[in-house]
Amino acid sequence: MRTDSEIRSDTIAELRRVADIDATRICVDVADGIVTLSGSVPDHVDRMHAETAAQRVHGVTGVVNEIRITSDVTQRLADQAIARQAIDAIRADLPAVADAVQVIVSDGHVTLEGSVPGQWQRQRIESAVRGIEGVTVVSNIITFAGATRVDDGNAASR
């Protein structure tokens, strides 16, 4: 059975091996094989990488992830600019449906929500946003009404 001290040392070493995270911002405590991670990282992906790294260490029986996400001011400003450009692009390209679409931006990831009358509008909105500088991913969850069937109630008498 491994000691908590050994598990702690190995967890710190494993965090340092993960190129995507800054291990100096993460604190590691171990009690009865349960690793508690605290500190801060800039995004959710780094938080997940740290948790996964701790899980890989031999002797770890559980992980408590208390790492905080600290958003970078530069990224927030970039996200605001992306959101403004996306809204402007949608209004310029499809003004009739622009107010029916919401743009959500996080770390360059743009999510498009709302409802438009047709699939072509949904696709055109995505195309307008995809080319904006700084956009890394576009998730298009805009719904469309599609064709509707009109039933006048006289179908049986025809």
N, C-alpha and C. Protein backbone atom coordinates (compact mmCIF):
# COMPACT_ATOMS: atom_id res chain seq x y z
N MET A 1 0.84 -1.18 0.00
CA MET A 1 0.00 0.00 0.00
C MET A 1 0.89 1.25 0.00
N ARG A 2 0.56 2.20 -0.86
CA ARG A 2 1.36 3.41 -1.00
C ARG A 2 0.98 4.44 0.05
N THR A 3 1.95 5.19 0.49
CA THR A 3 1.68 6.23 1.49
C THR A 3 1.12 7.46 0.80
N ASP A 4 0.46 8.30 1.59
CA ASP A 4 -0.08 9.55 1.05
C ASP A 4 1.04 10.44 0.51
N SER A 5 2.18 10.42 1.15
CA SER A 5 3.32 11.22 0.71
C SER A 5 3.80 10.77 -0.67
N GLU A 6 3.86 9.46 -0.89
CA GLU A 6 4.27 8.94 -2.20
C GLU A 6 3.25 9.32 -3.28
N ILE A 7 1.98 9.19 -2.94
CA ILE A 7 0.92 9.53 -3.89
C ILE A 7 0.97 11.01 -4.24
N ARG A 8 1.20 11.84 -3.22
CA ARG A 8 1.30 13.29 -3.45
C ARG A 8 2.46 13.60 -4.38
N SER A 9 3.62 13.03 -4.12
CA SER A 9 4.80 13.27 -4.98
C SER A 9 4.55 12.82 -6.40
N ASP A 10 3.96 11.66 -6.57
CA ASP A 10 3.68 11.15 -7.91
C ASP A 10 2.62 11.98 -8.63
N THR A 11 1.64 12.49 -7.89
CA THR A 11 0.60 13.32 -8.50
C THR A 11 1.20 14.63 -8.99
N ILE A 12 2.06 15.24 -8.19
CA ILE A 12 2.73 16.48 -8.61
C ILE A 12 3.58 16.22 -9.85
N ALA A 13 4.29 15.12 -9.86
CA ALA A 13 5.12 14.77 -11.03
C ALA A 13 4.24 14.55 -12.26
N GLU A 14 3.11 13.89 -12.08
CA GLU A 14 2.20 13.63 -13.21
C GLU A 14 1.63 14.95 -13.74
N LEU A 15 1.28 15.88 -12.86
CA LEU A 15 0.77 17.18 -13.28
C LEU A 15 1.83 17.93 -14.09
N ARG A 16 3.07 17.82 -13.69
CA ARG A 16 4.16 18.50 -14.40
C ARG A 16 4.38 17.92 -15.80
N ARG A 17 4.03 16.64 -15.98
CA ARG A 17 4.21 16.00 -17.28
C ARG A 17 3.15 16.44 -18.30
N VAL A 18 2.05 16.96 -17.82
CA VAL A 18 0.97 17.38 -18.73
C VAL A 18 1.33 18.76 -19.29
N ALA A 19 1.63 18.78 -20.57
CA ALA A 19 2.10 20.01 -21.21
C ALA A 19 1.03 21.10 -21.25
N ASP A 20 -0.23 20.72 -21.23
CA ASP A 20 -1.32 21.68 -21.40
C ASP A 20 -1.63 22.51 -20.16
N ILE A 21 -1.09 22.15 -19.00
CA ILE A 21 -1.43 22.87 -17.78
C ILE A 21 -0.20 23.42 -17.08
N ASP A 22 -0.41 24.49 -16.32
CA ASP A 22 0.65 25.07 -15.50
C ASP A 22 0.52 24.48 -14.10
N ALA A 23 1.31 23.44 -13.82
CA ALA A 23 1.22 22.71 -12.55
C ALA A 23 1.61 23.57 -11.35
N THR A 24 2.31 24.66 -11.57
CA THR A 24 2.72 25.51 -10.45
C THR A 24 1.52 26.23 -9.82
N ARG A 25 0.40 26.27 -10.53
CA ARG A 25 -0.80 26.93 -10.01
C ARG A 25 -1.76 25.96 -9.33
N ILE A 26 -1.33 24.70 -9.21
CA ILE A 26 -2.20 23.66 -8.63
C ILE A 26 -1.56 23.10 -7.37
N CYS A 27 -2.34 23.06 -6.29
CA CYS A 27 -1.88 22.48 -5.02
C CYS A 27 -2.46 21.07 -4.89
N VAL A 28 -1.66 20.17 -4.32
CA VAL A 28 -2.06 18.78 -4.17
C VAL A 28 -1.99 18.39 -2.69
N ASP A 29 -3.08 17.89 -2.16
CA ASP A 29 -3.13 17.32 -0.80
C ASP A 29 -3.67 15.90 -0.92
N VAL A 30 -3.18 15.02 -0.07
CA VAL A 30 -3.63 13.63 -0.11
C VAL A 30 -3.95 13.18 1.31
N ALA A 31 -5.09 12.53 1.47
CA ALA A 31 -5.48 11.95 2.75
C ALA A 31 -6.16 10.62 2.46
N ASP A 32 -5.58 9.54 2.98
CA ASP A 32 -6.13 8.19 2.79
C ASP A 32 -6.31 7.83 1.32
N GLY A 33 -5.38 8.27 0.49
CA GLY A 33 -5.42 7.95 -0.94
C GLY A 33 -6.31 8.86 -1.76
N ILE A 34 -7.01 9.78 -1.11
CA ILE A 34 -7.89 10.71 -1.83
C ILE A 34 -7.11 11.99 -2.10
N VAL A 35 -6.96 12.33 -3.37
CA VAL A 35 -6.22 13.51 -3.79
C VAL A 35 -7.17 14.69 -3.88
N THR A 36 -6.78 15.79 -3.26
CA THR A 36 -7.55 17.03 -3.38
C THR A 36 -6.70 18.02 -4.17
N LEU A 37 -7.26 18.49 -5.29
CA LEU A 37 -6.60 19.46 -6.14
C LEU A 37 -7.23 20.82 -5.88
N SER A 38 -6.40 21.84 -5.67
CA SER A 38 -6.90 23.20 -5.49
C SER A 38 -5.98 24.14 -6.24
N GLY A 39 -6.35 25.40 -6.27
CA GLY A 39 -5.58 26.38 -7.02
C GLY A 39 -6.44 26.95 -8.12
N SER A 40 -5.80 27.38 -9.21
CA SER A 40 -6.57 27.96 -10.31
C SER A 40 -5.91 27.67 -11.65
N VAL A 41 -6.75 27.58 -12.65
CA VAL A 41 -6.32 27.39 -14.04
C VAL A 41 -7.18 28.30 -14.91
N PRO A 42 -6.73 28.61 -16.13
CA PRO A 42 -7.47 29.57 -16.96
C PRO A 42 -8.76 29.04 -17.60
N ASP A 43 -8.92 27.72 -17.73
CA ASP A 43 -10.14 27.24 -18.38
C ASP A 43 -10.53 25.83 -17.90
N HIS A 44 -11.71 25.41 -18.33
CA HIS A 44 -12.26 24.12 -17.92
C HIS A 44 -11.44 22.94 -18.44
N VAL A 45 -10.85 23.09 -19.60
CA VAL A 45 -10.06 22.00 -20.18
C VAL A 45 -8.85 21.71 -19.29
N ASP A 46 -8.17 22.76 -18.83
CA ASP A 46 -7.01 22.56 -17.93
C ASP A 46 -7.45 21.91 -16.63
N ARG A 47 -8.60 22.30 -16.13
CA ARG A 47 -9.14 21.70 -14.90
C ARG A 47 -9.37 20.19 -15.09
N MET A 48 -9.94 19.84 -16.23
CA MET A 48 -10.19 18.44 -16.54
C MET A 48 -8.88 17.67 -16.71
N HIS A 49 -7.88 18.29 -17.39
CA HIS A 49 -6.59 17.62 -17.58
C HIS A 49 -5.92 17.34 -16.23
N ALA A 50 -6.01 18.27 -15.30
CA ALA A 50 -5.42 18.07 -13.98
C ALA A 50 -6.11 16.92 -13.25
N GLU A 51 -7.41 16.87 -13.33
CA GLU A 51 -8.16 15.80 -12.67
C GLU A 51 -7.80 14.44 -13.28
N THR A 52 -7.73 14.38 -14.58
CA THR A 52 -7.38 13.13 -15.27
C THR A 52 -5.96 12.69 -14.91
N ALA A 53 -5.04 13.65 -14.82
CA ALA A 53 -3.66 13.32 -14.44
C ALA A 53 -3.62 12.71 -13.05
N ALA A 54 -4.37 13.27 -12.12
CA ALA A 54 -4.40 12.73 -10.75
C ALA A 54 -4.98 11.32 -10.74
N GLN A 55 -5.97 11.07 -11.55
CA GLN A 55 -6.60 9.74 -11.60
C GLN A 55 -5.64 8.67 -12.11
N ARG A 56 -4.67 9.06 -12.91
CA ARG A 56 -3.71 8.10 -13.47
C ARG A 56 -2.68 7.60 -12.46
N VAL A 57 -2.53 8.28 -11.35
CA VAL A 57 -1.49 7.95 -10.38
C VAL A 57 -1.88 6.69 -9.61
N HIS A 58 -0.93 5.76 -9.55
CA HIS A 58 -1.14 4.50 -8.84
C HIS A 58 -1.36 4.78 -7.34
N GLY A 59 -2.41 4.21 -6.79
CA GLY A 59 -2.71 4.37 -5.37
C GLY A 59 -3.79 5.39 -5.07
N VAL A 60 -4.17 6.20 -6.07
CA VAL A 60 -5.22 7.19 -5.87
C VAL A 60 -6.56 6.46 -5.83
N THR A 61 -7.31 6.68 -4.75
CA THR A 61 -8.61 6.04 -4.61
C THR A 61 -9.76 6.99 -4.93
N GLY A 62 -9.47 8.29 -4.96
CA GLY A 62 -10.48 9.30 -5.27
C GLY A 62 -9.83 10.63 -5.54
N VAL A 63 -10.56 11.50 -6.24
CA VAL A 63 -10.06 12.84 -6.55
C VAL A 63 -11.15 13.85 -6.22
N VAL A 64 -10.77 14.86 -5.46
CA VAL A 64 -11.64 15.99 -5.18
C VAL A 64 -11.05 17.17 -5.96
N ASN A 65 -11.81 17.67 -6.93
CA ASN A 65 -11.30 18.74 -7.79
C ASN A 65 -11.90 20.07 -7.35
N GLU A 66 -11.11 20.85 -6.64
CA GLU A 66 -11.53 22.17 -6.15
C GLU A 66 -10.81 23.28 -6.91
N ILE A 67 -10.28 22.98 -8.08
CA ILE A 67 -9.56 23.96 -8.89
C ILE A 67 -10.57 24.99 -9.42
N ARG A 68 -10.23 26.26 -9.27
CA ARG A 68 -11.06 27.35 -9.76
C ARG A 68 -10.65 27.73 -11.18
N ILE A 69 -11.61 28.19 -11.94
CA ILE A 69 -11.34 28.69 -13.28
C ILE A 69 -11.18 30.21 -13.18
N THR A 70 -10.05 30.71 -13.64
CA THR A 70 -9.82 32.15 -13.65
C THR A 70 -9.76 32.60 -15.09
N SER A 71 -10.72 33.37 -15.48
CA SER A 71 -10.81 33.83 -16.86
C SER A 71 -9.79 34.93 -17.12
N ASP A 72 -9.14 34.83 -18.24
CA ASP A 72 -8.16 35.82 -18.66
C ASP A 72 -8.89 37.04 -19.23
N VAL A 73 -8.54 38.23 -18.75
CA VAL A 73 -9.18 39.47 -19.19
C VAL A 73 -9.02 39.65 -20.69
N THR A 74 -7.87 39.32 -21.23
CA THR A 74 -7.63 39.44 -22.66
C THR A 74 -8.60 38.58 -23.44
N GLN A 75 -8.83 37.33 -22.96
CA GLN A 75 -9.75 36.43 -23.65
C GLN A 75 -11.18 36.96 -23.57
N ARG A 76 -11.55 37.52 -22.41
CA ARG A 76 -12.91 38.06 -22.29
C ARG A 76 -13.12 39.20 -23.28
N LEU A 77 -12.12 40.07 -23.42
CA LEU A 77 -12.23 41.16 -24.38
C LEU A 77 -12.31 40.62 -25.81
N ALA A 78 -11.52 39.60 -26.11
CA ALA A 78 -11.56 38.97 -27.43
C ALA A 78 -12.94 38.35 -27.68
N ASP A 79 -13.49 37.69 -26.66
CA ASP A 79 -14.81 37.08 -26.79
C ASP A 79 -15.89 38.13 -27.04
N GLN A 80 -15.78 39.29 -26.38
CA GLN A 80 -16.74 40.37 -26.61
C GLN A 80 -16.66 40.87 -28.05
N ALA A 81 -15.44 40.99 -28.57
CA ALA A 81 -15.27 41.43 -29.95
C ALA A 81 -15.84 40.41 -30.93
N ILE A 82 -15.62 39.13 -30.65
CA ILE A 82 -16.17 38.06 -31.51
C ILE A 82 -17.69 38.12 -31.49
N ALA A 83 -18.27 38.27 -30.30
CA ALA A 83 -19.73 38.33 -30.18
C ALA A 83 -20.28 39.52 -30.98
N ARG A 84 -19.66 40.68 -30.85
CA ARG A 84 -20.11 41.88 -31.57
C ARG A 84 -20.01 41.66 -33.08
N GLN A 85 -18.90 41.10 -33.55
CA GLN A 85 -18.72 40.86 -34.99
C GLN A 85 -19.72 39.82 -35.49
N ALA A 86 -19.99 38.80 -34.70
CA ALA A 86 -20.94 37.77 -35.10
C ALA A 86 -22.35 38.35 -35.23
N ILE A 87 -22.75 39.14 -34.25
CA ILE A 87 -24.08 39.77 -34.31
C ILE A 87 -24.18 40.69 -35.51
N ASP A 88 -23.14 41.49 -35.74
CA ASP A 88 -23.13 42.41 -36.89
C ASP A 88 -23.18 41.64 -38.21
N ALA A 89 -22.45 40.53 -38.30
CA ALA A 89 -22.43 39.72 -39.54
C ALA A 89 -23.81 39.12 -39.81
N ILE A 90 -24.46 38.63 -38.76
CA ILE A 90 -25.80 38.04 -38.93
C ILE A 90 -26.79 39.12 -39.35
N ARG A 91 -26.73 40.29 -38.72
CA ARG A 91 -27.64 41.40 -39.07
C ARG A 91 -27.42 41.87 -40.51
N ALA A 92 -26.17 41.90 -40.95
CA ALA A 92 -25.87 42.34 -42.31
C ALA A 92 -26.33 41.32 -43.35
N ASP A 93 -26.16 40.04 -43.04
CA ASP A 93 -26.47 38.98 -44.01
C ASP A 93 -27.94 38.60 -44.03
N LEU A 94 -28.54 38.48 -42.85
CA LEU A 94 -29.94 38.05 -42.75
C LEU A 94 -30.70 38.92 -41.74
N PRO A 95 -30.94 40.19 -42.09
CA PRO A 95 -31.57 41.09 -41.12
C PRO A 95 -32.97 40.65 -40.67
N ALA A 96 -33.69 39.92 -41.52
CA ALA A 96 -35.06 39.52 -41.18
C ALA A 96 -35.12 38.51 -40.02
N VAL A 97 -34.05 37.74 -39.83
CA VAL A 97 -34.07 36.73 -38.76
C VAL A 97 -33.03 37.01 -37.66
N ALA A 98 -32.28 38.08 -37.79
CA ALA A 98 -31.18 38.36 -36.86
C ALA A 98 -31.64 38.43 -35.41
N ASP A 99 -32.81 39.02 -35.17
CA ASP A 99 -33.28 39.15 -33.79
C ASP A 99 -33.73 37.83 -33.17
N ALA A 100 -33.87 36.80 -33.99
CA ALA A 100 -34.29 35.49 -33.50
C ALA A 100 -33.11 34.60 -33.11
N VAL A 101 -31.89 35.14 -33.23
CA VAL A 101 -30.68 34.36 -32.98
C VAL A 101 -29.89 34.97 -31.83
N GLN A 102 -29.43 34.11 -30.92
CA GLN A 102 -28.56 34.55 -29.84
C GLN A 102 -27.17 33.99 -30.10
N VAL A 103 -26.16 34.80 -29.77
CA VAL A 103 -24.76 34.42 -29.94
C VAL A 103 -24.13 34.32 -28.55
N ILE A 104 -23.55 33.17 -28.23
CA ILE A 104 -22.85 32.97 -26.96
C ILE A 104 -21.41 32.64 -27.30
N VAL A 105 -20.46 33.34 -26.66
CA VAL A 105 -19.05 33.13 -26.96
C VAL A 105 -18.29 32.85 -25.66
N SER A 106 -17.47 31.81 -25.68
CA SER A 106 -16.62 31.47 -24.54
C SER A 106 -15.31 30.91 -25.08
N ASP A 107 -14.22 31.60 -24.79
CA ASP A 107 -12.89 31.17 -25.23
C ASP A 107 -12.82 30.91 -26.73
N GLY A 108 -13.47 31.76 -27.52
CA GLY A 108 -13.46 31.61 -28.97
C GLY A 108 -14.47 30.62 -29.50
N HIS A 109 -15.16 29.92 -28.62
CA HIS A 109 -16.19 28.95 -29.02
C HIS A 109 -17.52 29.68 -29.12
N VAL A 110 -18.08 29.72 -30.32
CA VAL A 110 -19.34 30.42 -30.56
C VAL A 110 -20.48 29.40 -30.59
N THR A 111 -21.51 29.67 -29.81
CA THR A 111 -22.72 28.86 -29.84
C THR A 111 -23.84 29.73 -30.38
N LEU A 112 -24.53 29.23 -31.39
CA LEU A 112 -25.65 29.93 -32.00
C LEU A 112 -26.94 29.25 -31.56
N GLU A 113 -27.86 30.04 -31.00
CA GLU A 113 -29.14 29.51 -30.53
C GLU A 113 -30.27 30.34 -31.12
N GLY A 114 -31.46 29.76 -31.12
CA GLY A 114 -32.64 30.46 -31.59
C GLY A 114 -33.41 29.61 -32.57
N SER A 115 -34.28 30.27 -33.34
CA SER A 115 -35.11 29.55 -34.30
C SER A 115 -35.29 30.42 -35.53
N VAL A 116 -35.14 29.81 -36.71
CA VAL A 116 -35.32 30.50 -37.99
C VAL A 116 -36.29 29.69 -38.84
N PRO A 117 -36.88 30.31 -39.87
CA PRO A 117 -37.88 29.61 -40.68
C PRO A 117 -37.34 28.43 -41.50
N GLY A 118 -36.08 28.49 -41.93
CA GLY A 118 -35.59 27.44 -42.82
C GLY A 118 -34.17 27.00 -42.55
N GLN A 119 -33.86 25.80 -43.03
CA GLN A 119 -32.52 25.23 -42.86
C GLN A 119 -31.46 26.08 -43.55
N TRP A 120 -31.76 26.64 -44.70
CA TRP A 120 -30.78 27.45 -45.43
C TRP A 120 -30.36 28.66 -44.61
N GLN A 121 -31.28 29.25 -43.84
CA GLN A 121 -30.94 30.40 -43.00
C GLN A 121 -30.02 29.97 -41.85
N ARG A 122 -30.32 28.82 -41.30
CA ARG A 122 -29.49 28.27 -40.22
C ARG A 122 -28.05 28.08 -40.71
N GLN A 123 -27.90 27.50 -41.89
CA GLN A 123 -26.58 27.26 -42.45
C GLN A 123 -25.87 28.55 -42.84
N ARG A 124 -26.62 29.51 -43.37
CA ARG A 124 -26.02 30.78 -43.78
C ARG A 124 -25.53 31.57 -42.57
N ILE A 125 -26.26 31.53 -41.47
CA ILE A 125 -25.84 32.20 -40.25
C ILE A 125 -24.53 31.60 -39.75
N GLU A 126 -24.45 30.27 -39.75
CA GLU A 126 -23.21 29.61 -39.33
C GLU A 126 -22.04 30.02 -40.23
N SER A 127 -22.26 30.07 -41.52
CA SER A 127 -21.20 30.46 -42.46
C SER A 127 -20.74 31.89 -42.20
N ALA A 128 -21.66 32.77 -41.89
CA ALA A 128 -21.31 34.17 -41.63
C ALA A 128 -20.42 34.31 -40.40
N VAL A 129 -20.63 33.45 -39.43
CA VAL A 129 -19.91 33.54 -38.16
C VAL A 129 -18.58 32.78 -38.22
N ARG A 130 -18.55 31.70 -38.95
CA ARG A 130 -17.38 30.83 -38.98
C ARG A 130 -16.09 31.54 -39.43
N GLY A 131 -16.21 32.53 -40.29
CA GLY A 131 -15.03 33.21 -40.81
C GLY A 131 -14.48 34.33 -39.95
N ILE A 132 -15.08 34.60 -38.81
CA ILE A 132 -14.63 35.70 -37.96
C ILE A 132 -13.33 35.33 -37.27
N GLU A 133 -12.38 36.25 -37.29
CA GLU A 133 -11.08 36.00 -36.67
C GLU A 133 -11.25 35.75 -35.17
N GLY A 134 -10.58 34.70 -34.68
CA GLY A 134 -10.64 34.34 -33.27
C GLY A 134 -11.63 33.24 -32.96
N VAL A 135 -12.53 32.94 -33.90
CA VAL A 135 -13.49 31.87 -33.70
C VAL A 135 -12.78 30.53 -33.86
N THR A 136 -12.87 29.69 -32.83
CA THR A 136 -12.21 28.39 -32.88
C THR A 136 -13.18 27.26 -33.18
N VAL A 137 -14.41 27.38 -32.68
CA VAL A 137 -15.43 26.35 -32.85
C VAL A 137 -16.78 27.05 -32.98
N VAL A 138 -17.66 26.51 -33.83
CA VAL A 138 -19.03 27.00 -33.92
C VAL A 138 -19.97 25.84 -33.63
N SER A 139 -20.80 26.01 -32.62
CA SER A 139 -21.86 25.04 -32.32
C SER A 139 -23.18 25.67 -32.74
N ASN A 140 -23.78 25.12 -33.76
CA ASN A 140 -25.01 25.67 -34.31
C ASN A 140 -26.19 24.84 -33.81
N ILE A 141 -26.89 25.36 -32.82
CA ILE A 141 -28.06 24.65 -32.30
C ILE A 141 -29.33 25.43 -32.60
N ILE A 142 -29.27 26.23 -33.67
CA ILE A 142 -30.45 26.95 -34.13
C ILE A 142 -31.43 25.92 -34.69
N THR A 143 -32.67 26.05 -34.31
CA THR A 143 -33.72 25.17 -34.85
C THR A 143 -34.41 25.89 -36.01
N PHE A 144 -35.10 25.12 -36.84
CA PHE A 144 -35.85 25.74 -37.92
C PHE A 144 -37.22 25.10 -37.99
N ALA A 145 -38.19 25.92 -38.41
CA ALA A 145 -39.57 25.47 -38.45
C ALA A 145 -39.81 24.47 -39.57
N GLY A 146 -39.12 24.61 -40.68
CA GLY A 146 -39.34 23.71 -41.81
C GLY A 146 -40.68 24.00 -42.47
N ALA A 147 -41.05 23.15 -43.38
CA ALA A 147 -42.33 23.33 -44.08
C ALA A 147 -43.48 22.95 -43.17
N THR A 148 -44.53 23.73 -43.19
CA THR A 148 -45.71 23.41 -42.39
C THR A 148 -46.84 23.01 -43.33
N ARG A 149 -47.67 22.09 -42.88
CA ARG A 149 -48.79 21.59 -43.67
C ARG A 149 -50.05 22.32 -43.23
N VAL A 150 -50.77 22.85 -44.19
CA VAL A 150 -52.01 23.54 -43.87
C VAL A 150 -53.16 22.56 -44.12
N ASP A 151 -54.01 22.38 -43.13
CA ASP A 151 -55.15 21.47 -43.22
C ASP A 151 -56.41 22.31 -43.01
N ASP A 152 -57.20 22.41 -44.05
CA ASP A 152 -58.41 23.26 -43.94
C ASP A 152 -59.60 22.50 -43.36
N GLY A 153 -59.44 21.24 -43.02
CA GLY A 153 -60.52 20.47 -42.43
C GLY A 153 -61.44 19.81 -43.43
N ASN A 154 -61.22 20.04 -44.72
CA ASN A 154 -62.09 19.48 -45.74
C ASN A 154 -61.47 18.28 -46.44
N ALA A 155 -60.43 17.73 -45.94
CA ALA A 155 -59.74 16.62 -46.60
C ALA A 155 -60.64 15.41 -46.77
N ALA A 156 -61.52 15.15 -45.83
CA ALA A 156 -62.40 13.97 -45.89
C ALA A 156 -63.48 14.12 -46.95
N SER A 157 -63.89 15.34 -47.28
CA SER A 157 -64.98 15.52 -48.23
C SER A 157 -64.53 15.57 -49.67
N ARG A 158 -63.23 15.50 -49.90
CA ARG A 158 -62.73 15.56 -51.28
C ARG A 158 -62.72 14.27 -51.94
